[in-house]
All heavy atoms as atom14 arrays in JSON, in Angstrom:
{
  "sequence": "TIAGARGSIHKIGAHVQDAPACNGWTFWYYEKKTDGKPAPIDD",
  "atom14_mask": [
    [1, 1, 1, 1, 1, 1, 1, 0, 0, 0, 0, 0, 0, 0],
    [1, 1, 1, 1, 1, 1, 1, 1, 0, 0, 0, 0, 0, 0],
    [1, 1, 1, 1, 1, 0, 0, 0, 0, 0, 0, 0, 0, 0],
    [1, 1, 1, 1, 0, 0, 0, 0, 0, 0, 0, 0, 0, 0],
    [1, 1, 1, 1, 1, 0, 0, 0, 0, 0, 0, 0, 0, 0],
    [1, 1, 1, 1, 1, 1, 1, 1, 1, 1, 1, 0, 0, 0],
    [1, 1, 1, 1, 0, 0, 0, 0, 0, 0, 0, 0, 0, 0],
    [1, 1, 1, 1, 1, 1, 0, 0, 0, 0, 0, 0, 0, 0],
    [1, 1, 1, 1, 1, 1, 1, 1, 0, 0, 0, 0, 0, 0],
    [1, 1, 1, 1, 1, 1, 1, 1, 1, 1, 0, 0, 0, 0],
    [1, 1, 1, 1, 1, 1, 1, 1, 1, 0, 0, 0, 0, 0],
    [1, 1, 1, 1, 1, 1, 1, 1, 0, 0, 0, 0, 0, 0],
    [1, 1, 1, 1, 0, 0, 0, 0, 0, 0, 0, 0, 0, 0],
    [1, 1, 1, 1, 1, 0, 0, 0, 0, 0, 0, 0, 0, 0],
    [1, 1, 1, 1, 1, 1, 1, 1, 1, 1, 0, 0, 0, 0],
    [1, 1, 1, 1, 1, 1, 1, 0, 0, 0, 0, 0, 0, 0],
    [1, 1, 1, 1, 1, 1, 1, 1, 1, 0, 0, 0, 0, 0],
    [1, 1, 1, 1, 1, 1, 1, 1, 0, 0, 0, 0, 0, 0],
    [1, 1, 1, 1, 1, 0, 0, 0, 0, 0, 0, 0, 0, 0],
    [1, 1, 1, 1, 1, 1, 1, 0, 0, 0, 0, 0, 0, 0],
    [1, 1, 1, 1, 1, 0, 0, 0, 0, 0, 0, 0, 0, 0],
    [1, 1, 1, 1, 1, 1, 0, 0, 0, 0, 0, 0, 0, 0],
    [1, 1, 1, 1, 1, 1, 1, 1, 0, 0, 0, 0, 0, 0],
    [1, 1, 1, 1, 0, 0, 0, 0, 0, 0, 0, 0, 0, 0],
    [1, 1, 1, 1, 1, 1, 1, 1, 1, 1, 1, 1, 1, 1],
    [1, 1, 1, 1, 1, 1, 1, 0, 0, 0, 0, 0, 0, 0],
    [1, 1, 1, 1, 1, 1, 1, 1, 1, 1, 1, 0, 0, 0],
    [1, 1, 1, 1, 1, 1, 1, 1, 1, 1, 1, 1, 1, 1],
    [1, 1, 1, 1, 1, 1, 1, 1, 1, 1, 1, 1, 0, 0],
    [1, 1, 1, 1, 1, 1, 1, 1, 1, 1, 1, 1, 0, 0],
    [1, 1, 1, 1, 1, 1, 1, 1, 1, 0, 0, 0, 0, 0],
    [1, 1, 1, 1, 1, 1, 1, 1, 1, 0, 0, 0, 0, 0],
    [1, 1, 1, 1, 1, 1, 1, 1, 1, 0, 0, 0, 0, 0],
    [1, 1, 1, 1, 1, 1, 1, 0, 0, 0, 0, 0, 0, 0],
    [1, 1, 1, 1, 1, 1, 1, 1, 0, 0, 0, 0, 0, 0],
    [1, 1, 1, 1, 0, 0, 0, 0, 0, 0, 0, 0, 0, 0],
    [1, 1, 1, 1, 1, 1, 1, 1, 1, 0, 0, 0, 0, 0],
    [1, 1, 1, 1, 1, 1, 1, 0, 0, 0, 0, 0, 0, 0],
    [1, 1, 1, 1, 1, 0, 0, 0, 0, 0, 0, 0, 0, 0],
    [1, 1, 1, 1, 1, 1, 1, 0, 0, 0, 0, 0, 0, 0],
    [1, 1, 1, 1, 1, 1, 1, 1, 0, 0, 0, 0, 0, 0],
    [1, 1, 1, 1, 1, 1, 1, 1, 0, 0, 0, 0, 0, 0],
    [1, 1, 1, 1, 1, 1, 1, 1, 0, 0, 0, 0, 0, 0]
  ],
  "atom14_positions": [
    [[-170.2, -138.98, -50.76], [-171.63, -138.76, -51.0], [-171.82, -137.68, -52.04], [-171.0, -136.76, -52.18], [-172.34, -138.33, -49.7], [-171.74, -137.13, -49.21], [-172.26, -139.41, -48.63], [0.0, 0.0, 0.0], [0.0, 0.0, 0.0], [0.0, 0.0, 0.0], [0.0, 0.0, 0.0], [0.0, 0.0, 0.0], [0.0, 0.0, 0.0], [0.0, 0.0, 0.0]],
    [[-172.95, -137.81, -52.76], [-173.33, -136.79, -53.73], [-174.84, -136.9, -53.96], [-175.34, -137.99, -54.25], [-172.56, -136.93, -55.06], [-172.9, -135.79, -56.02], [-172.8, -138.26, -55.71], [-172.02, -135.73, -57.26], [0.0, 0.0, 0.0], [0.0, 0.0, 0.0], [0.0, 0.0, 0.0], [0.0, 0.0, 0.0], [0.0, 0.0, 0.0], [0.0, 0.0, 0.0]],
    [[-175.55, -135.83, -53.75], [-177.0, -135.76, -54.0], [-177.75, -136.93, -53.37], [-178.6, -137.57, -54.0], [-177.26, -135.7, -55.5], [0.0, 0.0, 0.0], [0.0, 0.0, 0.0], [0.0, 0.0, 0.0], [0.0, 0.0, 0.0], [0.0, 0.0, 0.0], [0.0, 0.0, 0.0], [0.0, 0.0, 0.0], [0.0, 0.0, 0.0], [0.0, 0.0, 0.0]],
    [[-177.41, -137.26, -52.12], [-178.11, -138.32, -51.41], [-177.58, -139.72, -51.66], [-177.97, -140.66, -50.97], [0.0, 0.0, 0.0], [0.0, 0.0, 0.0], [0.0, 0.0, 0.0], [0.0, 0.0, 0.0], [0.0, 0.0, 0.0], [0.0, 0.0, 0.0], [0.0, 0.0, 0.0], [0.0, 0.0, 0.0], [0.0, 0.0, 0.0], [0.0, 0.0, 0.0]],
    [[-176.7, -139.88, -52.62], [-176.11, -141.2, -52.88], [-174.8, -141.33, -52.12], [-174.01, -140.38, -52.04], [-175.88, -141.39, -54.37], [0.0, 0.0, 0.0], [0.0, 0.0, 0.0], [0.0, 0.0, 0.0], [0.0, 0.0, 0.0], [0.0, 0.0, 0.0], [0.0, 0.0, 0.0], [0.0, 0.0, 0.0], [0.0, 0.0, 0.0], [0.0, 0.0, 0.0]],
    [[-174.58, -142.5, -51.55], [-173.35, -142.73, -50.79], [-172.74, -144.07, -51.2], [-173.46, -145.04, -51.45], [-173.63, -142.74, -49.29], [-172.38, -142.96, -48.43], [-172.71, -142.76, -46.95], [-173.61, -143.79, -46.44], [-173.2, -144.98, -45.97], [-171.91, -145.28, -45.96], [-174.08, -145.85, -45.52], [0.0, 0.0, 0.0], [0.0, 0.0, 0.0], [0.0, 0.0, 0.0]],
    [[-171.41, -144.11, -51.28], [-170.73, -145.36, -51.61], [-169.24, -145.13, -51.81], [-168.69, -144.09, -51.43], [0.0, 0.0, 0.0], [0.0, 0.0, 0.0], [0.0, 0.0, 0.0], [0.0, 0.0, 0.0], [0.0, 0.0, 0.0], [0.0, 0.0, 0.0], [0.0, 0.0, 0.0], [0.0, 0.0, 0.0], [0.0, 0.0, 0.0], [0.0, 0.0, 0.0]],
    [[-168.6, -146.11, -52.41], [-167.15, -146.01, -52.64], [-166.86, -145.02, -53.75], [-167.77, -144.61, -54.51], [-166.6, -147.38, -53.02], [-167.05, -147.75, -54.32], [0.0, 0.0, 0.0], [0.0, 0.0, 0.0], [0.0, 0.0, 0.0], [0.0, 0.0, 0.0], [0.0, 0.0, 0.0], [0.0, 0.0, 0.0], [0.0, 0.0, 0.0], [0.0, 0.0, 0.0]],
    [[-165.59, -144.66, -53.9], [-165.21, -143.75, -54.99], [-165.54, -144.35, -56.35], [-165.86, -143.63, -57.29], [-163.7, -143.39, -54.91], [-162.83, -144.65, -54.89], [-163.42, -142.5, -53.71], [-161.34, -144.38, -54.99], [0.0, 0.0, 0.0], [0.0, 0.0, 0.0], [0.0, 0.0, 0.0], [0.0, 0.0, 0.0], [0.0, 0.0, 0.0], [0.0, 0.0, 0.0]],
    [[-165.5, -145.67, -56.43], [-165.79, -146.33, -57.7], [-167.31, -146.36, -57.96], [-167.76, -146.05, -59.07], [-165.23, -147.75, -57.7], [-163.83, -147.84, -57.21], [-162.77, -147.25, -57.87], [-163.31, -148.45, -56.1], [-161.64, -147.5, -57.2], [-161.94, -148.22, -56.13], [0.0, 0.0, 0.0], [0.0, 0.0, 0.0], [0.0, 0.0, 0.0], [0.0, 0.0, 0.0]],
    [[-168.06, -146.7, -56.93], [-169.51, -146.8, -57.07], [-170.13, -145.45, -57.4], [-170.98, -145.34, -58.3], [-170.12, -147.37, -55.79], [-171.63, -147.5, -55.82], [-172.16, -148.07, -54.51], [-173.69, -148.16, -54.53], [-174.21, -148.71, -53.24], [0.0, 0.0, 0.0], [0.0, 0.0, 0.0], [0.0, 0.0, 0.0], [0.0, 0.0, 0.0], [0.0, 0.0, 0.0]],
    [[-169.71, -144.4, -56.7], [-170.28, -143.08, -56.93], [-169.8, -142.52, -58.27], [-170.53, -141.84, -58.98], [-169.94, -142.12, -55.78], [-170.56, -142.64, -54.47], [-170.43, -140.72, -56.07], [-172.07, -142.83, -54.54], [0.0, 0.0, 0.0], [0.0, 0.0, 0.0], [0.0, 0.0, 0.0], [0.0, 0.0, 0.0], [0.0, 0.0, 0.0], [0.0, 0.0, 0.0]],
    [[-168.55, -142.83, -58.65], [-168.06, -142.41, -59.96], [-168.89, -142.99, -61.08], [-169.23, -142.31, -62.06], [0.0, 0.0, 0.0], [0.0, 0.0, 0.0], [0.0, 0.0, 0.0], [0.0, 0.0, 0.0], [0.0, 0.0, 0.0], [0.0, 0.0, 0.0], [0.0, 0.0, 0.0], [0.0, 0.0, 0.0], [0.0, 0.0, 0.0], [0.0, 0.0, 0.0]],
    [[-169.25, -144.28, -60.94], [-170.09, -144.93, -61.94], [-171.51, -144.36, -61.9], [-172.14, -144.14, -62.94], [-170.11, -146.44, -61.7], [0.0, 0.0, 0.0], [0.0, 0.0, 0.0], [0.0, 0.0, 0.0], [0.0, 0.0, 0.0], [0.0, 0.0, 0.0], [0.0, 0.0, 0.0], [0.0, 0.0, 0.0], [0.0, 0.0, 0.0], [0.0, 0.0, 0.0]],
    [[-172.0, -144.08, -60.69], [-173.37, -143.57, -60.51], [-173.57, -142.23, -61.22], [-174.54, -142.04, -61.96], [-173.67, -143.43, -59.02], [-174.92, -142.67, -58.71], [-176.18, -143.18, -58.95], [-175.1, -141.42, -58.2], [-177.09, -142.29, -58.59], [-176.46, -141.2, -58.13], [0.0, 0.0, 0.0], [0.0, 0.0, 0.0], [0.0, 0.0, 0.0], [0.0, 0.0, 0.0]],
    [[-172.64, -141.3, -61.04], [-172.83, -139.97, -61.62], [-172.69, -139.98, -63.14], [-173.22, -139.11, -63.84], [-171.85, -138.94, -61.01], [-172.09, -138.79, -59.51], [-170.4, -139.32, -61.28], [0.0, 0.0, 0.0], [0.0, 0.0, 0.0], [0.0, 0.0, 0.0], [0.0, 0.0, 0.0], [0.0, 0.0, 0.0], [0.0, 0.0, 0.0], [0.0, 0.0, 0.0]],
    [[-171.99, -140.97, -63.67], [-171.82, -141.07, -65.12], [-172.85, -141.99, -65.77], [-172.87, -142.13, -66.99], [-170.43, -141.59, -65.46], [-169.29, -140.72, -64.99], [-167.96, -141.37, -65.29], [-167.4, -141.2, -66.38], [-167.44, -142.15, -64.35], [0.0, 0.0, 0.0], [0.0, 0.0, 0.0], [0.0, 0.0, 0.0], [0.0, 0.0, 0.0], [0.0, 0.0, 0.0]],
    [[-173.69, -142.62, -64.9], [-174.63, -143.63, -65.39], [-173.89, -144.69, -66.19], [-174.3, -145.09, -67.29], [-175.72, -142.97, -66.25], [-176.9, -143.92, -66.49], [-177.09, -144.83, -65.68], [-177.61, -143.74, -67.51], [0.0, 0.0, 0.0], [0.0, 0.0, 0.0], [0.0, 0.0, 0.0], [0.0, 0.0, 0.0], [0.0, 0.0, 0.0], [0.0, 0.0, 0.0]],
    [[-172.76, -145.14, -65.61], [-171.89, -146.12, -66.26], [-171.89, -147.42, -65.46], [-172.15, -147.41, -64.25], [-170.46, -145.57, -66.38], [0.0, 0.0, 0.0], [0.0, 0.0, 0.0], [0.0, 0.0, 0.0], [0.0, 0.0, 0.0], [0.0, 0.0, 0.0], [0.0, 0.0, 0.0], [0.0, 0.0, 0.0], [0.0, 0.0, 0.0], [0.0, 0.0, 0.0]],
    [[-171.58, -148.54, -66.08], [-171.55, -149.81, -65.36], [-170.4, -149.92, -64.36], [-170.48, -150.67, -63.39], [-171.42, -150.85, -66.46], [-170.82, -150.13, -67.61], [-171.34, -148.73, -67.53], [0.0, 0.0, 0.0], [0.0, 0.0, 0.0], [0.0, 0.0, 0.0], [0.0, 0.0, 0.0], [0.0, 0.0, 0.0], [0.0, 0.0, 0.0], [0.0, 0.0, 0.0]],
    [[-169.31, -149.2, -64.61], [-168.14, -149.27, -63.72], [-167.33, -147.99, -63.86], [-167.49, -147.23, -64.82], [-167.28, -150.48, -64.05], [0.0, 0.0, 0.0], [0.0, 0.0, 0.0], [0.0, 0.0, 0.0], [0.0, 0.0, 0.0], [0.0, 0.0, 0.0], [0.0, 0.0, 0.0], [0.0, 0.0, 0.0], [0.0, 0.0, 0.0], [0.0, 0.0, 0.0]],
    [[-166.47, -147.76, -62.89], [-165.61, -146.57, -62.91], [-164.39, -146.82, -62.05], [-164.48, -147.42, -60.97], [-166.39, -145.36, -62.39], [-165.38, -143.86, -62.13], [0.0, 0.0, 0.0], [0.0, 0.0, 0.0], [0.0, 0.0, 0.0], [0.0, 0.0, 0.0], [0.0, 0.0, 0.0], [0.0, 0.0, 0.0], [0.0, 0.0, 0.0], [0.0, 0.0, 0.0]],
    [[-163.22, -146.36, -62.52], [-162.02, -146.36, -61.69], [-161.98, -145.04, -60.95], [-161.57, -144.01, -61.49], [-160.77, -146.53, -62.56], [-159.5, -146.58, -61.75], [-159.49, -146.3, -60.55], [-158.4, -146.94, -62.38], [0.0, 0.0, 0.0], [0.0, 0.0, 0.0], [0.0, 0.0, 0.0], [0.0, 0.0, 0.0], [0.0, 0.0, 0.0], [0.0, 0.0, 0.0]],
    [[-162.43, -145.06, -59.71], [-162.52, -143.84, -58.93], [-161.19, -143.15, -58.7], [-161.13, -141.93, -58.56], [0.0, 0.0, 0.0], [0.0, 0.0, 0.0], [0.0, 0.0, 0.0], [0.0, 0.0, 0.0], [0.0, 0.0, 0.0], [0.0, 0.0, 0.0], [0.0, 0.0, 0.0], [0.0, 0.0, 0.0], [0.0, 0.0, 0.0], [0.0, 0.0, 0.0]],
    [[-160.11, -143.93, -58.69], [-158.79, -143.35, -58.44], [-158.38, -142.37, -59.54], [-157.71, -141.39, -59.27], [-157.74, -144.46, -58.32], [-157.86, -145.28, -57.08], [-158.31, -146.56, -56.98], [-157.56, -144.86, -55.75], [-158.3, -146.97, -55.68], [-157.84, -145.95, -54.9], [-157.08, -143.68, -55.19], [-157.66, -145.89, -53.52], [-156.89, -143.62, -53.81], [-157.18, -144.7, -52.99]],
    [[-158.78, -142.63, -60.75], [-158.42, -141.71, -61.84], [-159.56, -140.75, -62.18], [-159.32, -139.73, -62.83], [-158.05, -142.52, -63.11], [-159.13, -143.39, -63.46], [-156.79, -143.34, -62.86], [0.0, 0.0, 0.0], [0.0, 0.0, 0.0], [0.0, 0.0, 0.0], [0.0, 0.0, 0.0], [0.0, 0.0, 0.0], [0.0, 0.0, 0.0], [0.0, 0.0, 0.0]],
    [[-160.78, -141.05, -61.74], [-161.92, -140.19, -62.05], [-161.98, -138.96, -61.13], [-162.26, -137.85, -61.58], [-163.22, -140.99, -61.95], [-164.46, -140.17, -62.23], [-164.78, -139.82, -63.53], [-165.29, -139.76, -61.2], [-165.92, -139.06, -63.8], [-166.43, -139.0, -61.46], [-166.74, -138.65, -62.76], [0.0, 0.0, 0.0], [0.0, 0.0, 0.0], [0.0, 0.0, 0.0]],
    [[-161.73, -139.19, -59.84], [-161.89, -138.11, -58.86], [-160.61, -137.32, -58.64], [-159.51, -137.89, -58.6], [-162.38, -138.65, -57.52], [-163.76, -139.25, -57.57], [-164.08, -140.57, -57.47], [-164.98, -138.53, -57.73], [-165.43, -140.74, -57.57], [-166.03, -139.5, -57.73], [-165.31, -137.19, -57.88], [-167.36, -139.16, -57.86], [-166.66, -136.84, -58.02], [-167.66, -137.81, -58.01]],
    [[-160.75, -136.01, -58.48], [-159.65, -135.08, -58.23], [-159.88, -134.35, -56.91], [-161.0, -134.34, -56.37], [-159.55, -134.04, -59.36], [-158.92, -134.56, -60.63], [-159.56, -135.54, -61.41], [-157.7, -134.07, -61.08], [-158.98, -136.0, -62.57], [-157.12, -134.53, -62.25], [-157.77, -135.5, -62.99], [-157.19, -135.95, -64.14], [0.0, 0.0, 0.0], [0.0, 0.0, 0.0]],
    [[-158.82, -133.77, -56.39], [-158.89, -132.94, -55.18], [-158.04, -131.7, -55.42], [-157.23, -131.65, -56.35], [-158.41, -133.72, -53.96], [-156.9, -133.86, -53.9], [-156.14, -133.12, -52.99], [-156.21, -134.73, -54.76], [-154.75, -133.23, -52.94], [-154.84, -134.84, -54.73], [-154.11, -134.09, -53.81], [-152.74, -134.2, -53.77], [0.0, 0.0, 0.0], [0.0, 0.0, 0.0]],
    [[-158.21, -130.7, -54.6], [-157.38, -129.49, -54.69], [-156.2, -129.62, -53.74], [-156.39, -129.83, -52.53], [-158.18, -128.24, -54.36], [-159.12, -127.81, -55.47], [-159.76, -126.45, -55.19], [-159.53, -125.89, -54.09], [-160.49, -125.96, -56.07], [0.0, 0.0, 0.0], [0.0, 0.0, 0.0], [0.0, 0.0, 0.0], [0.0, 0.0, 0.0], [0.0, 0.0, 0.0]],
    [[-155.01, -129.5, -54.29], [-153.8, -129.6, -53.46], [-153.72, -128.42, -52.51], [-153.97, -127.28, -52.9], [-152.55, -129.67, -54.35], [-152.47, -130.93, -55.19], [-151.13, -131.07, -55.87], [-150.95, -130.03, -56.96], [-149.66, -130.22, -57.69], [0.0, 0.0, 0.0], [0.0, 0.0, 0.0], [0.0, 0.0, 0.0], [0.0, 0.0, 0.0], [0.0, 0.0, 0.0]],
    [[-153.37, -128.72, -51.28], [-153.28, -127.66, -50.27], [-152.11, -126.72, -50.52], [-152.11, -125.56, -50.08], [-153.17, -128.28, -48.87], [-154.4, -129.08, -48.45], [-154.2, -129.68, -47.06], [-155.46, -130.37, -46.57], [-155.84, -131.52, -47.42], [0.0, 0.0, 0.0], [0.0, 0.0, 0.0], [0.0, 0.0, 0.0], [0.0, 0.0, 0.0], [0.0, 0.0, 0.0]],
    [[-151.11, -127.18, -51.23], [-149.91, -126.36, -51.45], [-150.15, -125.23, -52.43], [-149.7, -124.1, -52.21], [-148.76, -127.25, -51.98], [-149.23, -127.97, -53.13], [-148.3, -128.22, -50.9], [0.0, 0.0, 0.0], [0.0, 0.0, 0.0], [0.0, 0.0, 0.0], [0.0, 0.0, 0.0], [0.0, 0.0, 0.0], [0.0, 0.0, 0.0], [0.0, 0.0, 0.0]],
    [[-150.86, -125.52, -53.52], [-151.04, -124.47, -54.54], [-152.48, -124.36, -55.06], [-152.76, -123.56, -55.94], [-150.1, -124.71, -55.72], [-150.26, -126.11, -56.33], [-151.27, -126.78, -56.03], [-149.38, -126.52, -57.11], [0.0, 0.0, 0.0], [0.0, 0.0, 0.0], [0.0, 0.0, 0.0], [0.0, 0.0, 0.0], [0.0, 0.0, 0.0], [0.0, 0.0, 0.0]],
    [[-153.39, -125.18, -54.52], [-154.78, -125.1, -54.92], [-155.08, -125.68, -56.28], [-156.2, -125.56, -56.78], [0.0, 0.0, 0.0], [0.0, 0.0, 0.0], [0.0, 0.0, 0.0], [0.0, 0.0, 0.0], [0.0, 0.0, 0.0], [0.0, 0.0, 0.0], [0.0, 0.0, 0.0], [0.0, 0.0, 0.0], [0.0, 0.0, 0.0], [0.0, 0.0, 0.0]],
    [[-154.08, -126.31, -56.9], [-154.29, -126.88, -58.23], [-154.92, -128.28, -58.11], [-154.69, -128.99, -57.13], [-152.97, -126.96, -58.99], [-152.39, -125.61, -59.35], [-151.1, -125.76, -60.15], [-150.54, -124.41, -60.55], [-149.28, -124.53, -61.32], [0.0, 0.0, 0.0], [0.0, 0.0, 0.0], [0.0, 0.0, 0.0], [0.0, 0.0, 0.0], [0.0, 0.0, 0.0]],
    [[-155.72, -128.68, -59.11], [-156.35, -130.0, -59.05], [-155.34, -131.11, -59.33], [-154.4, -130.93, -60.11], [-157.41, -129.94, -60.15], [-156.89, -128.93, -61.12], [-156.16, -127.91, -60.29], [0.0, 0.0, 0.0], [0.0, 0.0, 0.0], [0.0, 0.0, 0.0], [0.0, 0.0, 0.0], [0.0, 0.0, 0.0], [0.0, 0.0, 0.0], [0.0, 0.0, 0.0]],
    [[-155.54, -132.25, -58.71], [-154.69, -133.43, -58.93], [-155.54, -134.68, -58.69], [-156.45, -134.67, -57.86], [-153.49, -133.43, -58.0], [0.0, 0.0, 0.0], [0.0, 0.0, 0.0], [0.0, 0.0, 0.0], [0.0, 0.0, 0.0], [0.0, 0.0, 0.0], [0.0, 0.0, 0.0], [0.0, 0.0, 0.0], [0.0, 0.0, 0.0], [0.0, 0.0, 0.0]],
    [[-155.28, -135.76, -59.4], [-156.05, -136.99, -59.18], [-155.73, -137.59, -57.82], [-154.6, -137.51, -57.34], [-155.58, -137.9, -60.32], [-154.24, -137.38, -60.71], [-154.29, -135.9, -60.48], [0.0, 0.0, 0.0], [0.0, 0.0, 0.0], [0.0, 0.0, 0.0], [0.0, 0.0, 0.0], [0.0, 0.0, 0.0], [0.0, 0.0, 0.0], [0.0, 0.0, 0.0]],
    [[-156.74, -138.16, -57.2], [-156.5, -138.77, -55.89], [-155.55, -139.94, -56.0], [-154.99, -140.39, -54.98], [-157.83, -139.19, -55.22], [-158.57, -140.22, -56.09], [-158.71, -137.98, -54.93], [-159.81, -140.8, -55.42], [0.0, 0.0, 0.0], [0.0, 0.0, 0.0], [0.0, 0.0, 0.0], [0.0, 0.0, 0.0], [0.0, 0.0, 0.0], [0.0, 0.0, 0.0]],
    [[-155.33, -140.44, -57.2], [-154.36, -141.53, -57.39], [-152.96, -141.08, -56.98], [-152.12, -141.9, -56.6], [-154.38, -142.0, -58.84], [-153.83, -143.4, -59.0], [-153.89, -144.18, -58.02], [-153.37, -143.74, -60.09], [0.0, 0.0, 0.0], [0.0, 0.0, 0.0], [0.0, 0.0, 0.0], [0.0, 0.0, 0.0], [0.0, 0.0, 0.0], [0.0, 0.0, 0.0]],
    [[-152.68, -139.77, -57.06], [-151.38, -139.26, -56.61], [-151.2, -139.49, -55.12], [-150.09, -139.79, -54.64], [-151.25, -137.77, -56.91], [-151.09, -137.48, -58.4], [-150.99, -138.44, -59.19], [-151.05, -136.29, -58.77], [0.0, 0.0, 0.0], [0.0, 0.0, 0.0], [0.0, 0.0, 0.0], [0.0, 0.0, 0.0], [0.0, 0.0, 0.0], [0.0, 0.0, 0.0]]
  ]
}
């Protein structure tokens, strides 16, 4: 979810970019618990 919008990683990725489609696996990142560095959720 983001700003009241809810959906898949792909749908929300496209929504925030105002794009027709998005590969959420490569668009979204998370902070690794081991060192706090960002990494793509595709990892």
